[in-house]
Amino acid sequence: MGDDNVEEYDLRGLRCPLPVLKTRNRMRKLQPGEQIWVVTDDPLAALDLPNYCNEYDQLLVEQRPGEGDEMRFLIARRGNL
């Protein structure tokens, strides 16, 4: 469902706070401008991941429902973490 050139980071089955913690650690490995799709079925992620992006100055490019209970977040790394 994501772009072919954007990695998908599957965090389904993990519950708060793990999706945000794992996303933050994964974002540290990206170069500025790189993007990643985060896929999760944690209902709190709809609040937690946008808050993470605001707090750590990362760009939430897109947020949309996935299959079933999944949510998909396209996040771009802006700069230092």
Protein backbone atom coordinates (compact mmCIF):
# COMPACT_ATOMS: atom_id res chain seq x y z
CA MET A 1 0.00 0.00 0.00
CA GLY A 2 3.02 2.27 0.48
CA ASP A 3 5.32 3.63 -2.20
CA ASP A 4 7.76 1.07 -3.56
CA ASN A 5 10.78 3.16 -2.54
CA VAL A 6 9.62 3.88 1.04
CA GLU A 7 10.34 1.29 3.72
CA GLU A 8 7.44 -0.06 5.73
CA TYR A 9 8.07 -0.48 9.46
CA ASP A 10 5.63 -3.07 10.81
CA LEU A 11 4.78 -2.49 14.47
CA ARG A 12 1.51 -4.41 14.53
CA GLY A 13 0.86 -6.24 17.79
CA LEU A 14 2.85 -3.77 19.91
CA ARG A 15 1.12 -1.55 22.44
CA CYS A 16 1.86 1.87 23.89
CA PRO A 17 4.55 3.03 24.40
CA LEU A 18 6.43 0.58 22.12
CA PRO A 19 5.25 1.93 18.72
CA VAL A 20 6.53 5.43 19.54
CA LEU A 21 9.76 4.22 21.13
CA LYS A 22 10.56 1.91 18.22
CA THR A 23 9.65 4.61 15.68
CA ARG A 24 11.95 7.10 17.40
CA ASN A 25 14.83 4.60 17.36
CA ARG A 26 14.22 3.73 13.70
CA MET A 27 14.02 7.42 12.70
CA ARG A 28 17.49 7.97 14.17
CA LYS A 29 18.87 5.62 11.51
CA LEU A 30 17.36 7.61 8.62
CA GLN A 31 19.04 10.49 6.84
CA PRO A 32 17.28 13.88 6.74
CA GLY A 33 14.64 13.78 4.01
CA GLU A 34 14.18 10.01 4.12
CA GLN A 35 10.70 8.69 4.81
CA ILE A 36 9.23 5.60 6.41
CA TRP A 37 5.73 4.12 6.63
CA VAL A 38 4.91 3.10 10.21
CA VAL A 39 2.14 0.48 10.38
CA THR A 40 0.51 -0.20 13.74
CA ASP A 41 -2.71 -1.51 15.20
CA ASP A 42 -2.26 0.25 18.55
CA PRO A 43 -5.32 2.50 18.97
CA LEU A 44 -3.27 5.07 20.92
CA ALA A 45 -0.88 5.53 18.00
CA ALA A 46 -3.36 7.90 16.34
CA LEU A 47 -2.48 10.35 19.14
CA ASP A 48 1.01 9.21 20.09
CA LEU A 49 2.75 9.24 16.70
CA PRO A 50 1.55 12.74 15.68
CA ASN A 51 2.61 13.98 19.15
CA TYR A 52 6.02 12.34 18.67
CA CYS A 53 6.42 14.13 15.33
CA ASN A 54 5.55 17.48 16.89
CA GLU A 55 7.77 16.99 19.93
CA TYR A 56 10.80 15.79 17.95
CA ASP A 57 10.25 18.08 14.92
CA GLN A 58 9.69 15.28 12.44
CA LEU A 59 7.27 15.65 9.53
CA LEU A 60 4.06 13.63 9.56
CA VAL A 61 3.46 13.54 5.82
CA GLU A 62 0.35 11.37 5.86
CA GLN A 63 -1.85 9.47 8.29
CA ARG A 64 -4.49 7.05 7.02
CA PRO A 65 -6.32 3.87 7.94
CA GLY A 66 -4.86 0.58 6.79
CA GLU A 67 -6.47 -2.83 6.70
CA GLY A 68 -8.71 -3.74 9.63
CA ASP A 69 -7.56 -1.95 12.78
CA GLU A 70 -4.29 -0.74 11.25
CA MET A 71 -3.18 2.85 11.00
CA ARG A 72 -0.46 3.95 8.60
CA PHE A 73 1.82 6.95 9.18
CA LEU A 74 4.24 8.32 6.60
CA ILE A 75 6.95 10.14 8.54
CA ALA A 76 9.90 12.06 7.10
CA ARG A 77 13.04 12.79 9.04
CA ARG A 78 13.72 16.51 9.20
CA GLY A 79 17.03 16.79 11.00
CA ASN A 80 18.69 16.01 14.30
CA LEU A 81 16.95 13.74 16.79
